[in-house]
Amino acid sequence: MKGMLLMTLGVLLVLAVVACGCTDSATGPELTAPFDEGYRANEKTVLAVENPCGPVTITRGDVKEVVLHAVKRTRAGEEELEKVEITGTKGSLLKIRARWTTVLPPRVTVDMAITVPPYVTVDAVTVSNGDVRIDGVAGDVAVSCFNCDVLITNMSGSVTAAVENGNITVRDTTGTGDLTVRNGWIDAEVRSVRGNVAIEAKNGNITLALGPALNAALAVTTKNGAVSVEGLPLEVTAATMTAVDGVLGAGGPVIAVDATSGDVHITSL
């Protein structure tokens, strides 16, 4: 999964460079075009979302289908709005996607607000420029974005996220996987892990709250910062100002935490 997220980030890097027009500071009046659509869904439906430029919000609601409310926005003239197409595939994998219809990127952002029934699972969200908010849904979700903040709350499933420029916040999820940020911070609760997990911030702090029932090995390092562990039932096997190793509960998968330039602070939930 980590390799797939890094590959996706590489694609997003190309898109972000190419798509700089979507954040172009055009001076004309803002023009909008709403797009509303419903997609049939059942217990086998898995949702994936792609949006090259604009925020994505996914929440659970009292609905019988996947409901999309999107708004295309531009200050570069009405013709720009026609250069972005919003589509949704049919079948068990429902992919909702904003797609350019021109070779050169249009100066358009697309705001996406998606409401899903409780029985639909969320699989992947890929964004180049725009924040991601996911709340109350189920699924093992993987988020990849270039310039964005990610907020994931109240999820039933495991969360992985890779961000180039931005921050990651994870709250009240049943499982946590790899979380990586190049420029930004990570603030996450970790209640359970299914295997070895890497939590990495190249330029930013990491704050973690670990579940008291975790059985895992903890390996924490920073190159330019400090490490602190408080209130955690950790059997410390090695400790310095910039590294802590230890065992939680009966031990198990390794939770590797690495802040290259930043502090690491770990507490108990």
Foldseek 3Di string as FASTA:
>chain_A
DVVVQVVLQVVLVVLCVLQVLLVDPADADKDKDKDKDWAAADLLAEEEEEFAAEEEEEEEDPDRTKIKIKMKMARPDPVLSVQWDWDWDDDNYTYTYIDGNDPRHGNIHMYIYIYGHQSYEYAEYEYEHYEYHYEQHEYAYEYHYEAYEYEYENYEHEYEYEYEAYEYEYYNYCAYAEYEYEHYEYAYEHEEYDAAHEYEYAAEEYEYAYELPYWAKEKFFEQAEAEEEPAHPWAWPDDDRGITITTHDNHHHYYYYYYHHYYYYYYHD
